[in-house]
Amino acid sequence: MISEKRIKEFQKAVKEDYGKNITSAEANEIINGLVNYFDLLAKIFHRIETNEKKKETHKNNLRLY
């Protein structure tokens, strides 16, 4: 859950940057969407990194034989 303080800060930033007033509900929805988006990106990055490490380990293990 996003704190009311963060929602207000986001509303202020949207107003300053885009000249648009948004409700707390709209701000909350946008923030949660962004959080979910970056969470997904982090998971994808982690999966790619993990797979690369597994490939490298497997490749190194094959060199031993």
PDB file of N, CA and C in Angstrom:
ATOM      1  N   MET A   1       0.836  -1.180   0.000  1.00  0.00           N
ATOM      2  CA  MET A   1       0.000   0.000   0.000  1.00  0.00           C
ATOM      3  C   MET A   1       0.882   1.245   0.000  1.00  0.00           C
ATOM      4  N   ILE A   2       0.455   2.202  -0.757  1.00  0.00           N
ATOM      5  CA  ILE A   2       1.196   3.459  -0.883  1.00  0.00           C
ATOM      6  C   ILE A   2       0.698   4.428   0.187  1.00  0.00           C
ATOM      7  N   SER A   3       1.647   5.070   0.858  1.00  0.00           N
ATOM      8  CA  SER A   3       1.262   6.002   1.921  1.00  0.00           C
ATOM      9  C   SER A   3       0.594   7.242   1.329  1.00  0.00           C
ATOM     10  N   GLU A   4      -0.239   7.863   2.126  1.00  0.00           N
ATOM     11  CA  GLU A   4      -0.934   9.081   1.701  1.00  0.00           C
ATOM     12  C   GLU A   4       0.078  10.179   1.361  1.00  0.00           C
ATOM     13  N   LYS A   5       1.189  10.213   2.097  1.00  0.00           N
ATOM     14  CA  LYS A   5       2.233  11.205   1.837  1.00  0.00           C
ATOM     15  C   LYS A   5       2.799  11.030   0.427  1.00  0.00           C
ATOM     16  N   ARG A   6       3.076   9.784   0.036  1.00  0.00           N
ATOM     17  CA  ARG A   6       3.630   9.516  -1.296  1.00  0.00           C
ATOM     18  C   ARG A   6       2.613   9.839  -2.389  1.00  0.00           C
ATOM     19  N   ILE A   7       1.343   9.548  -2.114  1.00  0.00           N
ATOM     20  CA  ILE A   7       0.296   9.864  -3.086  1.00  0.00           C
ATOM     21  C   ILE A   7       0.226  11.370  -3.304  1.00  0.00           C
ATOM     22  N   LYS A   8       0.271  12.126  -2.217  1.00  0.00           N
ATOM     23  CA  LYS A   8       0.234  13.595  -2.321  1.00  0.00           C
ATOM     24  C   LYS A   8       1.447  14.119  -3.092  1.00  0.00           C
ATOM     25  N   GLU A   9       2.628  13.551  -2.818  1.00  0.00           N
ATOM     26  CA  GLU A   9       3.834  13.958  -3.533  1.00  0.00           C
ATOM     27  C   GLU A   9       3.697  13.680  -5.033  1.00  0.00           C
ATOM     28  N   PHE A  10       3.119  12.535  -5.346  1.00  0.00           N
ATOM     29  CA  PHE A  10       2.931  12.177  -6.748  1.00  0.00           C
ATOM     30  C   PHE A  10       1.925  13.120  -7.412  1.00  0.00           C
ATOM     31  N   GLN A  11       0.842  13.411  -6.720  1.00  0.00           N
ATOM     32  CA  GLN A  11      -0.148  14.350  -7.249  1.00  0.00           C
ATOM     33  C   GLN A  11       0.496  15.707  -7.536  1.00  0.00           C
ATOM     34  N   LYS A  12       1.339  16.153  -6.626  1.00  0.00           N
ATOM     35  CA  LYS A  12       2.019  17.437  -6.797  1.00  0.00           C
ATOM     36  C   LYS A  12       2.949  17.396  -8.006  1.00  0.00           C
ATOM     37  N   ALA A  13       3.683  16.294  -8.167  1.00  0.00           N
ATOM     38  CA  ALA A  13       4.603  16.160  -9.302  1.00  0.00           C
ATOM     39  C   ALA A  13       3.837  16.153 -10.621  1.00  0.00           C
ATOM     40  N   VAL A  14       2.713  15.452 -10.664  1.00  0.00           N
ATOM     41  CA  VAL A  14       1.902  15.426 -11.882  1.00  0.00           C
ATOM     42  C   VAL A  14       1.385  16.831 -12.197  1.00  0.00           C
ATOM     43  N   LYS A  15       0.942  17.532 -11.182  1.00  0.00           N
ATOM     44  CA  LYS A  15       0.448  18.907 -11.364  1.00  0.00           C
ATOM     45  C   LYS A  15       1.560  19.813 -11.893  1.00  0.00           C
ATOM     46  N   GLU A  16       2.746  19.723 -11.288  1.00  0.00           N
ATOM     47  CA  GLU A  16       3.871  20.576 -11.696  1.00  0.00           C
ATOM     48  C   GLU A  16       4.368  20.231 -13.100  1.00  0.00           C
ATOM     49  N   ASP A  17       4.468  18.948 -13.403  1.00  0.00           N
ATOM     50  CA  ASP A  17       5.040  18.515 -14.677  1.00  0.00           C
ATOM     51  C   ASP A  17       4.048  18.555 -15.837  1.00  0.00           C
ATOM     52  N   TYR A  18       2.782  18.268 -15.549  1.00  0.00           N
ATOM     53  CA  TYR A  18       1.806  18.139 -16.630  1.00  0.00           C
ATOM     54  C   TYR A  18       0.624  19.104 -16.516  1.00  0.00           C
ATOM     55  N   GLY A  19       0.569  19.854 -15.406  1.00  0.00           N
ATOM     56  CA  GLY A  19      -0.511  20.803 -15.235  1.00  0.00           C
ATOM     57  C   GLY A  19      -1.870  20.164 -15.045  1.00  0.00           C
ATOM     58  N   LYS A  20      -1.885  18.930 -14.589  1.00  0.00           N
ATOM     59  CA  LYS A  20      -3.130  18.187 -14.437  1.00  0.00           C
ATOM     60  C   LYS A  20      -3.336  17.790 -12.986  1.00  0.00           C
ATOM     61  N   ASN A  21      -4.534  18.036 -12.495  1.00  0.00           N
ATOM     62  CA  ASN A  21      -4.905  17.568 -11.164  1.00  0.00           C
ATOM     63  C   ASN A  21      -5.471  16.168 -11.276  1.00  0.00           C
ATOM     64  N   ILE A  22      -4.969  15.271 -10.442  1.00  0.00           N
ATOM     65  CA  ILE A  22      -5.512  13.918 -10.409  1.00  0.00           C
ATOM     66  C   ILE A  22      -5.966  13.606  -8.988  1.00  0.00           C
ATOM     67  N   THR A  23      -6.947  12.728  -8.876  1.00  0.00           N
ATOM     68  CA  THR A  23      -7.466  12.358  -7.565  1.00  0.00           C
ATOM     69  C   THR A  23      -6.496  11.411  -6.874  1.00  0.00           C
ATOM     70  N   SER A  24      -6.707  11.233  -5.589  1.00  0.00           N
ATOM     71  CA  SER A  24      -5.897  10.268  -4.834  1.00  0.00           C
ATOM     72  C   SER A  24      -6.055   8.873  -5.410  1.00  0.00           C
ATOM     73  N   ALA A  25      -7.271   8.529  -5.807  1.00  0.00           N
ATOM     74  CA  ALA A  25      -7.520   7.196  -6.382  1.00  0.00           C
ATOM     75  C   ALA A  25      -6.758   7.025  -7.694  1.00  0.00           C
ATOM     76  N   GLU A  26      -6.757   8.063  -8.538  1.00  0.00           N
ATOM     77  CA  GLU A  26      -6.018   7.990  -9.799  1.00  0.00           C
ATOM     78  C   GLU A  26      -4.517   7.882  -9.540  1.00  0.00           C
ATOM     79  N   ALA A  27      -4.034   8.688  -8.613  1.00  0.00           N
ATOM     80  CA  ALA A  27      -2.604   8.650  -8.279  1.00  0.00           C
ATOM     81  C   ALA A  27      -2.221   7.274  -7.756  1.00  0.00           C
ATOM     82  N   ASN A  28      -3.044   6.726  -6.881  1.00  0.00           N
ATOM     83  CA  ASN A  28      -2.781   5.411  -6.314  1.00  0.00           C
ATOM     84  C   ASN A  28      -2.738   4.350  -7.409  1.00  0.00           C
ATOM     85  N   GLU A  29      -3.672   4.422  -8.346  1.00  0.00           N
ATOM     86  CA  GLU A  29      -3.722   3.461  -9.444  1.00  0.00           C
ATOM     87  C   GLU A  29      -2.477   3.562 -10.327  1.00  0.00           C
ATOM     88  N   ILE A  30      -2.075   4.782 -10.640  1.00  0.00           N
ATOM     89  CA  ILE A  30      -0.886   4.991 -11.474  1.00  0.00           C
ATOM     90  C   ILE A  30       0.364   4.490 -10.757  1.00  0.00           C
ATOM     91  N   ILE A  31       0.507   4.851  -9.493  1.00  0.00           N
ATOM     92  CA  ILE A  31       1.687   4.432  -8.720  1.00  0.00           C
ATOM     93  C   ILE A  31       1.756   2.917  -8.635  1.00  0.00           C
ATOM     94  N   ASN A  32       0.628   2.283  -8.322  1.00  0.00           N
ATOM     95  CA  ASN A  32       0.628   0.819  -8.229  1.00  0.00           C
ATOM     96  C   ASN A  32       0.958   0.179  -9.565  1.00  0.00           C
ATOM     97  N   GLY A  33       0.475   0.758 -10.650  1.00  0.00           N
ATOM     98  CA  GLY A  33       0.824   0.248 -11.974  1.00  0.00           C
ATOM     99  C   GLY A  33       2.313   0.347 -12.246  1.00  0.00           C
ATOM    100  N   LEU A  34       2.904   1.466 -11.867  1.00  0.00           N
ATOM    101  CA  LEU A  34       4.350   1.636 -12.045  1.00  0.00           C
ATOM    102  C   LEU A  34       5.148   0.671 -11.179  1.00  0.00           C
ATOM    103  N   VAL A  35       4.718   0.503  -9.946  1.00  0.00           N
ATOM    104  CA  VAL A  35       5.396  -0.437  -9.047  1.00  0.00           C
ATOM    105  C   VAL A  35       5.333  -1.853  -9.623  1.00  0.00           C
ATOM    106  N   ASN A  36       4.159  -2.245 -10.091  1.00  0.00           N
ATOM    107  CA  ASN A  36       4.010  -3.580 -10.671  1.00  0.00           C
ATOM    108  C   ASN A  36       4.849  -3.751 -11.926  1.00  0.00           C
ATOM    109  N   TYR A  37       4.915  -2.703 -12.747  1.00  0.00           N
ATOM    110  CA  TYR A  37       5.719  -2.743 -13.960  1.00  0.00           C
ATOM    111  C   TYR A  37       7.197  -2.952 -13.634  1.00  0.00           C
ATOM    112  N   PHE A  38       7.713  -2.166 -12.700  1.00  0.00           N
ATOM    113  CA  PHE A  38       9.130  -2.298 -12.352  1.00  0.00           C
ATOM    114  C   PHE A  38       9.415  -3.583 -11.594  1.00  0.00           C
ATOM    115  N   ASP A  39       8.443  -4.088 -10.858  1.00  0.00           N
ATOM    116  CA  ASP A  39       8.594  -5.397 -10.220  1.00  0.00           C
ATOM    117  C   ASP A  39       8.737  -6.477 -11.289  1.00  0.00           C
ATOM    118  N   LEU A  40       7.921  -6.406 -12.324  1.00  0.00           N
ATOM    119  CA  LEU A  40       8.021  -7.363 -13.424  1.00  0.00           C
ATOM    120  C   LEU A  40       9.368  -7.256 -14.129  1.00  0.00           C
ATOM    121  N   LEU A  41       9.817  -6.041 -14.380  1.00  0.00           N
ATOM    122  CA  LEU A  41      11.133  -5.861 -15.003  1.00  0.00           C
ATOM    123  C   LEU A  41      12.245  -6.469 -14.156  1.00  0.00           C
ATOM    124  N   ALA A  42      12.163  -6.279 -12.846  1.00  0.00           N
ATOM    125  CA  ALA A  42      13.173  -6.845 -11.947  1.00  0.00           C
ATOM    126  C   ALA A  42      13.156  -8.372 -11.992  1.00  0.00           C
ATOM    127  N   LYS A  43      11.965  -8.952 -12.039  1.00  0.00           N
ATOM    128  CA  LYS A  43      11.854 -10.416 -12.116  1.00  0.00           C
ATOM    129  C   LYS A  43      12.431 -10.938 -13.424  1.00  0.00           C
ATOM    130  N   ILE A  44      12.141 -10.237 -14.519  1.00  0.00           N
ATOM    131  CA  ILE A  44      12.684 -10.648 -15.817  1.00  0.00           C
ATOM    132  C   ILE A  44      14.203 -10.541 -15.805  1.00  0.00           C
ATOM    133  N   PHE A  45      14.717  -9.441 -15.289  1.00  0.00           N
ATOM    134  CA  PHE A  45      16.167  -9.253 -15.209  1.00  0.00           C
ATOM    135  C   PHE A  45      16.807 -10.361 -14.375  1.00  0.00           C
ATOM    136  N   HIS A  46      16.197 -10.668 -13.231  1.00  0.00           N
ATOM    137  CA  HIS A  46      16.730 -11.714 -12.358  1.00  0.00           C
ATOM    138  C   HIS A  46      16.724 -13.064 -13.076  1.00  0.00           C
ATOM    139  N   ARG A  47      15.651 -13.357 -13.784  1.00  0.00           N
ATOM    140  CA  ARG A  47      15.564 -14.631 -14.508  1.00  0.00           C
ATOM    141  C   ARG A  47      16.648 -14.721 -15.574  1.00  0.00           C
ATOM    142  N   ILE A  48      16.853 -13.639 -16.303  1.00  0.00           N
ATOM    143  CA  ILE A  48      17.882 -13.624 -17.341  1.00  0.00           C
ATOM    144  C   ILE A  48      19.262 -13.814 -16.712  1.00  0.00           C
ATOM    145  N   GLU A  49      19.532 -13.073 -15.643  1.00  0.00           N
ATOM    146  CA  GLU A  49      20.833 -13.192 -14.973  1.00  0.00           C
ATOM    147  C   GLU A  49      21.051 -14.607 -14.442  1.00  0.00           C
ATOM    148  N   THR A  50      20.033 -15.181 -13.850  1.00  0.00           N
ATOM    149  CA  THR A  50      20.134 -16.541 -13.305  1.00  0.00           C
ATOM    150  C   THR A  50      20.403 -17.538 -14.416  1.00  0.00           C
ATOM    151  N   ASN A  51      19.693 -17.396 -15.527  1.00  0.00           N
ATOM    152  CA  ASN A  51      19.902 -18.304 -16.656  1.00  0.00           C
ATOM    153  C   ASN A  51      21.296 -18.155 -17.243  1.00  0.00           C
ATOM    154  N   GLU A  52      21.791 -16.927 -17.322  1.00  0.00           N
ATOM    155  CA  GLU A  52      23.142 -16.705 -17.839  1.00  0.00           C
ATOM    156  C   GLU A  52      24.187 -17.350 -16.927  1.00  0.00           C
ATOM    157  N   LYS A  53      23.994 -17.223 -15.629  1.00  0.00           N
ATOM    158  CA  LYS A  53      24.929 -17.837 -14.685  1.00  0.00           C
ATOM    159  C   LYS A  53      24.896 -19.346 -14.791  1.00  0.00           C
ATOM    160  N   LYS A  54      23.705 -19.920 -14.960  1.00  0.00           N
ATOM    161  CA  LYS A  54      23.585 -21.376 -15.113  1.00  0.00           C
ATOM    162  C   LYS A  54      24.285 -21.835 -16.380  1.00  0.00           C
ATOM    163  N   LYS A  55      24.109 -21.090 -17.475  1.00  0.00           N
ATOM    164  CA  LYS A  55      24.773 -21.439 -18.730  1.00  0.00           C
ATOM    165  C   LYS A  55      26.285 -21.385 -18.578  1.00  0.00           C
ATOM    166  N   GLU A  56      26.768 -20.332 -17.906  1.00  0.00           N
ATOM    167  CA  GLU A  56      28.206 -20.181 -17.714  1.00  0.00           C
ATOM    168  C   GLU A  56      28.760 -21.309 -16.845  1.00  0.00           C
ATOM    169  N   THR A  57      28.038 -21.657 -15.783  1.00  0.00           N
ATOM    170  CA  THR A  57      28.465 -22.759 -14.908  1.00  0.00           C
ATOM    171  C   THR A  57      28.493 -24.059 -15.683  1.00  0.00           C
ATOM    172  N   HIS A  58      27.466 -24.306 -16.466  1.00  0.00           N
ATOM    173  CA  HIS A  58      27.402 -25.527 -17.272  1.00  0.00           C
ATOM    174  C   HIS A  58      28.544 -25.558 -18.274  1.00  0.00           C
ATOM    175  N   LYS A  59      28.797 -24.422 -18.906  1.00  0.00           N
ATOM    176  CA  LYS A  59      29.879 -24.315 -19.891  1.00  0.00           C
ATOM    177  C   LYS A  59      31.226 -24.602 -19.220  1.00  0.00           C
ATOM    178  N   ASN A  60      31.445 -24.055 -18.033  1.00  0.00           N
ATOM    179  CA  ASN A  60      32.699 -24.285 -17.312  1.00  0.00           C
ATOM    180  C   ASN A  60      32.831 -25.741 -16.884  1.00  0.00           C
ATOM    181  N   ASN A  61      31.731 -26.342 -16.480  1.00  0.00           N
ATOM    182  CA  ASN A  61      31.762 -27.745 -16.088  1.00  0.00           C
ATOM    183  C   ASN A  61      32.107 -28.647 -17.264  1.00  0.00           C
ATOM    184  N   LEU A  62      31.654 -28.310 -18.450  1.00  0.00           N
ATOM    185  CA  LEU A  62      31.965 -29.102 -19.646  1.00  0.00           C
ATOM    186  C   LEU A  62      33.444 -29.019 -19.977  1.00  0.00           C
ATOM    187  N   ARG A  63      34.087 -27.914 -19.680  1.00  0.00           N
ATOM    188  CA  ARG A  63      35.520 -27.749 -19.967  1.00  0.00           C
ATOM    189  C   ARG A  63      36.362 -28.668 -19.101  1.00  0.00           C
ATOM    190  N   LEU A  64      35.843 -29.074 -17.963  1.00  0.00           N
ATOM    191  CA  LEU A  64      36.604 -29.932 -17.064  1.00  0.00           C
ATOM    192  C   LEU A  64      36.752 -31.344 -17.611  1.00  0.00           C
ATOM    193  N   TYR A  65      35.892 -31.726 -18.522  1.00  0.00           N
ATOM    194  CA  TYR A  65      35.924 -33.100 -19.037  1.00  0.00           C
ATOM    195  C   TYR A  65      36.654 -33.217 -20.315  1.00  0.00           C
TER     196      TYR A  65
END
